[in-house]
Each structure stands twice: as structure tokens, then as C-alpha cells.
């Protein structure tokens, strides 16, 4: 009886270990500018993730947050996946003016898991 129980336990642990990578989601590892940082001359925003990304279904919207007003969507933002396959790069035609910004991003990893988040930063 103990042999059957132990075999069942070993099988359950093995199945759980194999399923763990399948349940993974891309995680934001770092960003430039960093979260809640103050930066100058921002013309590019990069987000480094833990997994490879699918470019056509990953992207971002950049909002300028103005006190007492609705956030204003910034135009001219283009997103792409960097050469490493794990970095979402958002580029602008010209540097951002001084202000507070929120980058609302969404990415899909190559295993089709979608995650979204927000990165706030200030431009001086």
C-alpha cells in the first residue's frame, strides 16, 4: 500500500514540475526609464521581459498625466520588439516635453500568455 501511495506522490510531483514552465507568464524585469524615475531627453522607452515576445500583438500607449485633467494620449509612439526578442521598445519622433507620464503596456509571450501593466515616470 505504501509503495502505491509513494508512486502516486512521485507521479504527482513529476507532473507538477513539468507543468510549472507552461504556467509561466512574461515578467517585467527592468525598464528605461526605470519605474517612478526622473529622466531627461526621453525619446525611447524600453521594457525588458523574462520571456520572448510576439511583436505583432504586443504594444503600448503613452499618456501624459496632467493634474486636474484627463490624461492626454501622446501620438507618434511606435513599438517593436528588440533584437534580443525579450525587449519591448517604444520610440518617439522627438524627445518628450517635461511632465509626468504613464506607459500602459501589453505583451504576449511566444507561448501566448498575455500580461499588461503600467510604467510611470517623469521627464524633467
N, C-alpha and C. Protein backbone atom coordinates (compact mmCIF):
# COMPACT_ATOMS: atom_id res chain seq x y z
N UNK A 1 0.82 -1.19 0.00
CA UNK A 1 0.00 0.00 0.00
C UNK A 1 0.87 1.25 0.00
N UNK A 2 1.94 1.27 0.83
CA UNK A 2 2.84 2.42 0.85
C UNK A 2 3.53 2.62 -0.48
N UNK A 3 3.84 1.52 -1.17
CA UNK A 3 4.51 1.62 -2.47
C UNK A 3 3.60 2.33 -3.47
N UNK A 4 2.32 1.98 -3.47
CA UNK A 4 1.37 2.61 -4.38
C UNK A 4 1.21 4.09 -4.04
N UNK A 5 1.09 4.41 -2.76
CA UNK A 5 0.95 5.80 -2.32
C UNK A 5 2.19 6.61 -2.70
N UNK A 6 3.38 6.04 -2.45
CA UNK A 6 4.63 6.73 -2.79
C UNK A 6 4.76 6.92 -4.30
N UNK A 7 4.36 5.92 -5.07
CA UNK A 7 4.42 6.04 -6.53
C UNK A 7 3.48 7.14 -7.00
N UNK A 8 2.30 7.22 -6.40
CA UNK A 8 1.35 8.27 -6.74
C UNK A 8 1.89 9.65 -6.41
N UNK A 9 2.55 9.76 -5.27
CA UNK A 9 3.14 11.03 -4.86
C UNK A 9 4.25 11.45 -5.82
N UNK A 10 5.11 10.49 -6.19
CA UNK A 10 6.19 10.78 -7.14
C UNK A 10 5.62 11.23 -8.48
N UNK A 11 4.58 10.57 -8.94
CA UNK A 11 3.95 10.94 -10.21
C UNK A 11 3.34 12.34 -10.13
N UNK A 12 2.66 12.65 -9.04
CA UNK A 12 2.06 13.98 -8.88
C UNK A 12 3.12 15.07 -8.88
N UNK A 13 4.23 14.85 -8.19
CA UNK A 13 5.32 15.83 -8.16
C UNK A 13 5.92 16.01 -9.55
N UNK A 14 6.09 14.91 -10.28
CA UNK A 14 6.66 14.98 -11.63
C UNK A 14 5.76 15.77 -12.57
N UNK A 15 4.46 15.52 -12.51
CA UNK A 15 3.51 16.24 -13.36
C UNK A 15 3.51 17.73 -13.02
N UNK A 16 3.53 18.06 -11.73
CA UNK A 16 3.56 19.47 -11.31
C UNK A 16 4.83 20.15 -11.79
N UNK A 17 5.95 19.48 -11.72
CA UNK A 17 7.22 20.06 -12.15
C UNK A 17 7.22 20.31 -13.66
N UNK A 18 6.63 19.42 -14.42
CA UNK A 18 6.57 19.60 -15.87
C UNK A 18 5.61 20.72 -16.24
N UNK A 19 4.55 20.91 -15.48
CA UNK A 19 3.56 21.92 -15.79
C UNK A 19 4.01 23.32 -15.40
N UNK A 20 4.94 23.45 -14.48
CA UNK A 20 5.36 24.77 -14.00
C UNK A 20 5.81 25.71 -15.11
N UNK A 21 6.69 25.27 -16.05
CA UNK A 21 7.08 26.20 -17.11
C UNK A 21 5.92 26.60 -18.01
N UNK A 22 4.96 25.72 -18.20
CA UNK A 22 3.82 26.02 -19.05
C UNK A 22 2.98 27.13 -18.44
N UNK A 23 2.93 27.21 -17.11
CA UNK A 23 2.13 28.21 -16.43
C UNK A 23 2.83 29.55 -16.30
N UNK A 24 4.04 29.66 -16.78
CA UNK A 24 4.81 30.89 -16.64
C UNK A 24 4.21 32.01 -17.50
N UNK A 25 4.37 33.24 -17.04
CA UNK A 25 3.95 34.42 -17.78
C UNK A 25 5.16 35.33 -17.90
N UNK A 26 5.21 36.14 -18.97
CA UNK A 26 6.34 37.07 -19.07
C UNK A 26 6.30 38.06 -17.91
N UNK A 27 7.43 38.27 -17.29
CA UNK A 27 7.53 39.21 -16.18
C UNK A 27 8.43 40.37 -16.58
N UNK A 28 8.03 41.58 -16.21
CA UNK A 28 8.84 42.76 -16.47
C UNK A 28 10.05 42.71 -15.54
N UNK A 29 11.25 42.69 -16.12
CA UNK A 29 12.49 42.62 -15.34
C UNK A 29 13.08 44.00 -15.07
N UNK A 30 13.02 44.88 -16.08
CA UNK A 30 13.59 46.22 -15.93
C UNK A 30 13.01 47.13 -17.01
N UNK A 31 13.24 48.43 -16.81
CA UNK A 31 12.78 49.40 -17.81
C UNK A 31 13.73 50.59 -17.82
N UNK A 32 13.74 51.27 -18.98
CA UNK A 32 14.48 52.52 -19.13
C UNK A 32 13.54 53.50 -19.80
N UNK A 33 13.15 54.59 -19.11
CA UNK A 33 13.50 54.95 -17.75
C UNK A 33 12.91 53.94 -16.75
N UNK A 34 13.51 53.90 -15.57
CA UNK A 34 13.04 53.00 -14.52
C UNK A 34 11.69 53.49 -13.98
N UNK A 35 10.95 52.58 -13.37
CA UNK A 35 9.66 52.93 -12.78
C UNK A 35 9.84 54.04 -11.75
N UNK A 36 8.99 55.05 -11.83
CA UNK A 36 8.96 56.20 -10.91
C UNK A 36 10.24 57.04 -10.92
N UNK A 37 11.05 56.89 -11.95
CA UNK A 37 12.29 57.67 -12.07
C UNK A 37 12.04 59.00 -12.75
N UNK A 38 13.00 59.90 -12.63
CA UNK A 38 13.00 61.16 -13.35
C UNK A 38 14.13 61.09 -14.37
N UNK A 39 13.83 61.42 -15.60
CA UNK A 39 14.81 61.33 -16.68
C UNK A 39 14.71 62.56 -17.56
N UNK A 40 15.70 62.75 -18.38
CA UNK A 40 15.71 63.85 -19.33
C UNK A 40 15.93 63.32 -20.73
N UNK A 41 15.49 64.06 -21.73
CA UNK A 41 15.70 63.72 -23.13
C UNK A 41 15.21 62.31 -23.46
N UNK A 42 13.98 62.01 -23.08
CA UNK A 42 13.41 60.67 -23.32
C UNK A 42 12.81 60.61 -24.71
N UNK A 43 13.42 59.80 -25.56
CA UNK A 43 12.95 59.59 -26.91
C UNK A 43 12.65 58.11 -27.16
N UNK A 44 13.06 57.28 -26.18
CA UNK A 44 12.85 55.84 -26.29
C UNK A 44 12.58 55.28 -24.89
N UNK A 45 11.65 54.35 -24.82
CA UNK A 45 11.32 53.66 -23.57
C UNK A 45 11.48 52.17 -23.86
N UNK A 46 12.22 51.47 -23.01
CA UNK A 46 12.40 50.04 -23.24
C UNK A 46 12.00 49.25 -21.99
N UNK A 47 11.35 48.13 -22.24
CA UNK A 47 10.89 47.23 -21.18
C UNK A 47 11.46 45.84 -21.44
N UNK A 48 12.27 45.35 -20.53
CA UNK A 48 12.91 44.03 -20.66
C UNK A 48 12.08 42.99 -19.92
N UNK A 49 11.72 41.90 -20.61
CA UNK A 49 10.89 40.85 -20.04
C UNK A 49 11.66 39.54 -19.90
N UNK A 50 11.07 38.63 -19.14
CA UNK A 50 11.70 37.34 -18.83
C UNK A 50 11.54 36.32 -19.95
N UNK A 51 10.67 36.58 -20.90
CA UNK A 51 10.41 35.63 -21.98
C UNK A 51 10.38 36.34 -23.33
N UNK A 52 10.54 35.57 -24.39
CA UNK A 52 10.46 36.11 -25.74
C UNK A 52 9.04 36.60 -26.02
N UNK A 53 8.94 37.70 -26.76
CA UNK A 53 7.66 38.36 -27.03
C UNK A 53 7.24 38.19 -28.49
N UNK A 54 5.93 38.29 -28.71
CA UNK A 54 5.37 38.29 -30.06
C UNK A 54 5.08 39.76 -30.41
N UNK A 55 5.86 40.32 -31.31
CA UNK A 55 5.76 41.72 -31.66
C UNK A 55 4.42 42.19 -32.17
N UNK A 56 3.79 41.47 -33.11
CA UNK A 56 2.54 41.96 -33.68
C UNK A 56 1.39 42.11 -32.68
N UNK A 57 1.44 41.42 -31.55
CA UNK A 57 0.36 41.51 -30.57
C UNK A 57 0.81 42.12 -29.24
N UNK A 58 1.98 42.75 -29.25
CA UNK A 58 2.49 43.46 -28.07
C UNK A 58 2.57 44.94 -28.42
N UNK A 59 2.35 45.80 -27.44
CA UNK A 59 2.40 47.23 -27.73
C UNK A 59 2.21 48.07 -26.48
N UNK A 60 2.03 49.37 -26.69
CA UNK A 60 1.89 50.29 -25.56
C UNK A 60 1.22 51.58 -26.00
N UNK A 61 0.64 52.27 -25.02
CA UNK A 61 0.09 53.61 -25.19
C UNK A 61 0.77 54.49 -24.15
N UNK A 62 1.18 55.67 -24.56
CA UNK A 62 1.85 56.62 -23.67
C UNK A 62 0.90 57.76 -23.36
N UNK A 63 0.71 58.01 -22.08
CA UNK A 63 -0.19 59.06 -21.62
C UNK A 63 0.59 60.10 -20.82
N UNK A 64 0.31 61.38 -21.08
CA UNK A 64 0.86 62.45 -20.26
C UNK A 64 -0.18 62.75 -19.19
N UNK A 65 0.23 62.59 -17.92
CA UNK A 65 -0.67 62.80 -16.80
C UNK A 65 -0.59 64.25 -16.35
N UNK A 66 -1.73 64.95 -16.41
CA UNK A 66 -1.77 66.36 -16.03
C UNK A 66 -2.71 66.53 -14.85
N UNK A 67 -2.23 67.17 -13.82
CA UNK A 67 -3.00 67.36 -12.60
C UNK A 67 -4.33 68.06 -12.89
N UNK A 68 -5.42 67.45 -12.40
CA UNK A 68 -6.73 68.06 -12.56
C UNK A 68 -7.35 67.88 -13.93
N UNK A 69 -6.68 67.14 -14.83
CA UNK A 69 -7.20 66.94 -16.19
C UNK A 69 -7.11 65.46 -16.54
N UNK A 70 -7.84 65.10 -17.55
CA UNK A 70 -7.75 63.73 -18.07
C UNK A 70 -6.37 63.51 -18.68
N UNK A 71 -5.81 62.31 -18.56
CA UNK A 71 -4.52 62.04 -19.22
C UNK A 71 -4.63 62.25 -20.73
N UNK A 72 -3.55 62.76 -21.32
CA UNK A 72 -3.52 63.03 -22.75
C UNK A 72 -2.67 61.98 -23.45
N UNK A 73 -3.27 61.29 -24.42
CA UNK A 73 -2.53 60.28 -25.17
C UNK A 73 -1.51 60.96 -26.09
N UNK A 74 -0.27 60.50 -26.01
CA UNK A 74 0.80 61.03 -26.84
C UNK A 74 0.78 60.32 -28.19
N UNK A 75 0.96 61.07 -29.25
CA UNK A 75 0.96 60.49 -30.59
C UNK A 75 2.39 60.26 -31.05
N UNK A 76 2.53 59.50 -32.11
CA UNK A 76 3.84 59.26 -32.70
C UNK A 76 4.64 58.16 -32.02
N UNK A 77 4.02 57.38 -31.15
CA UNK A 77 4.72 56.30 -30.46
C UNK A 77 4.69 55.05 -31.33
N UNK A 78 5.86 54.48 -31.56
CA UNK A 78 5.96 53.24 -32.35
C UNK A 78 6.60 52.18 -31.46
N UNK A 79 6.00 50.99 -31.44
CA UNK A 79 6.55 49.91 -30.62
C UNK A 79 7.06 48.79 -31.50
N UNK A 80 8.10 48.12 -31.00
CA UNK A 80 8.67 46.97 -31.68
C UNK A 80 9.35 46.10 -30.63
N UNK A 81 9.69 44.90 -31.02
CA UNK A 81 10.44 44.01 -30.15
C UNK A 81 11.91 44.13 -30.53
N UNK A 82 12.76 44.29 -29.52
CA UNK A 82 14.20 44.44 -29.75
C UNK A 82 14.85 43.18 -30.31
N UNK A 83 16.10 43.30 -30.71
CA UNK A 83 16.85 42.20 -31.31
C UNK A 83 16.95 40.98 -30.40
N UNK A 84 16.93 41.20 -29.07
CA UNK A 84 17.03 40.07 -28.14
C UNK A 84 15.72 39.28 -28.04
N UNK A 85 14.63 39.82 -28.60
CA UNK A 85 13.34 39.14 -28.59
C UNK A 85 12.57 39.28 -27.29
N UNK A 86 13.20 39.86 -26.26
CA UNK A 86 12.58 39.97 -24.94
C UNK A 86 12.34 41.41 -24.50
N UNK A 87 12.65 42.37 -25.36
CA UNK A 87 12.53 43.78 -25.00
C UNK A 87 11.51 44.47 -25.89
N UNK A 88 10.52 45.10 -25.25
CA UNK A 88 9.57 45.93 -25.97
C UNK A 88 10.15 47.34 -26.01
N UNK A 89 10.31 47.88 -27.20
CA UNK A 89 10.91 49.20 -27.39
C UNK A 89 9.85 50.14 -27.95
N UNK A 90 9.64 51.26 -27.26
CA UNK A 90 8.70 52.28 -27.71
C UNK A 90 9.52 53.52 -28.09
N UNK A 91 9.42 53.94 -29.33
CA UNK A 91 10.21 55.09 -29.79
C UNK A 91 9.28 56.23 -30.20
N UNK A 92 9.80 57.43 -30.03
CA UNK A 92 9.08 58.65 -30.38
C UNK A 92 9.88 59.42 -31.43
N UNK A 93 9.19 60.27 -32.20
CA UNK A 93 9.85 61.08 -33.21
C UNK A 93 10.76 62.14 -32.60
N UNK A 94 10.35 62.65 -31.43
CA UNK A 94 11.13 63.69 -30.76
C UNK A 94 11.07 63.46 -29.25
N UNK A 95 12.01 64.03 -28.50
CA UNK A 95 12.01 63.84 -27.04
C UNK A 95 10.73 64.35 -26.39
N UNK A 96 10.32 63.69 -25.31
CA UNK A 96 9.12 64.10 -24.58
C UNK A 96 9.34 65.42 -23.86
N UNK A 97 8.32 66.27 -23.83
CA UNK A 97 8.42 67.51 -23.04
C UNK A 97 8.35 67.17 -21.54
N UNK A 98 8.76 68.08 -20.72
CA UNK A 98 8.72 67.87 -19.27
C UNK A 98 7.31 67.54 -18.83
N UNK A 99 7.19 66.60 -17.89
CA UNK A 99 5.88 66.22 -17.37
C UNK A 99 5.91 64.83 -16.77
N UNK A 100 4.75 64.39 -16.32
CA UNK A 100 4.58 63.05 -15.75
C UNK A 100 3.91 62.17 -16.79
N UNK A 101 4.41 60.93 -16.93
CA UNK A 101 3.92 60.03 -17.97
C UNK A 101 3.59 58.65 -17.41
N UNK A 102 2.67 57.98 -18.11
CA UNK A 102 2.34 56.59 -17.83
C UNK A 102 2.37 55.84 -19.15
N UNK A 103 3.13 54.76 -19.16
CA UNK A 103 3.16 53.88 -20.33
C UNK A 103 2.32 52.66 -19.98
N UNK A 104 1.18 52.52 -20.66
CA UNK A 104 0.31 51.36 -20.46
C UNK A 104 0.71 50.32 -21.50
N UNK A 105 1.34 49.24 -21.05
CA UNK A 105 1.88 48.25 -21.97
C UNK A 105 1.11 46.93 -21.87
N UNK A 106 1.20 46.18 -22.96
CA UNK A 106 0.68 44.81 -23.00
C UNK A 106 1.62 44.00 -23.88
N UNK A 107 1.96 42.81 -23.42
CA UNK A 107 2.83 41.94 -24.19
C UNK A 107 2.25 40.53 -24.21
N UNK A 108 2.58 39.81 -25.27
CA UNK A 108 2.22 38.41 -25.40
C UNK A 108 3.51 37.65 -25.63
N UNK A 109 3.75 36.65 -24.79
CA UNK A 109 4.96 35.85 -24.95
C UNK A 109 4.75 34.83 -26.06
N UNK A 110 5.83 34.21 -26.49
CA UNK A 110 5.74 33.24 -27.59
C UNK A 110 4.92 32.01 -27.21
N UNK A 111 4.67 31.80 -25.90
CA UNK A 111 3.78 30.70 -25.51
C UNK A 111 2.35 31.20 -25.35
N UNK A 112 2.05 32.38 -25.88
CA UNK A 112 0.73 33.02 -25.97
C UNK A 112 0.15 33.53 -24.66
N UNK A 113 0.95 33.68 -23.62
CA UNK A 113 0.45 34.29 -22.39
C UNK A 113 0.51 35.81 -22.52
N UNK A 114 -0.61 36.46 -22.20
CA UNK A 114 -0.70 37.92 -22.29
C UNK A 114 -0.68 38.51 -20.89
N UNK A 115 0.14 39.56 -20.72
CA UNK A 115 0.16 40.32 -19.48
C UNK A 115 0.18 41.80 -19.84
N UNK A 116 -0.28 42.60 -18.90
CA UNK A 116 -0.31 44.05 -19.10
C UNK A 116 0.11 44.74 -17.82
N UNK A 117 0.54 45.97 -17.97
CA UNK A 117 0.94 46.73 -16.79
C UNK A 117 1.11 48.20 -17.13
N UNK A 118 1.60 48.93 -16.15
CA UNK A 118 1.76 50.38 -16.31
C UNK A 118 3.11 50.77 -15.73
N UNK A 119 3.80 51.65 -16.45
CA UNK A 119 5.08 52.19 -16.01
C UNK A 119 4.93 53.70 -15.92
N UNK A 120 5.16 54.25 -14.74
CA UNK A 120 5.08 55.70 -14.55
C UNK A 120 6.50 56.26 -14.41
N UNK A 121 6.71 57.45 -15.00
CA UNK A 121 8.00 58.13 -14.90
C UNK A 121 7.79 59.61 -15.14
N UNK A 122 8.81 60.40 -14.83
CA UNK A 122 8.76 61.85 -15.00
C UNK A 122 9.88 62.28 -15.93
N UNK A 123 9.58 63.25 -16.78
CA UNK A 123 10.60 63.85 -17.64
C UNK A 123 10.83 65.27 -17.14
N UNK A 124 12.11 65.61 -16.94
CA UNK A 124 12.43 66.96 -16.46
C UNK A 124 12.77 67.88 -17.59
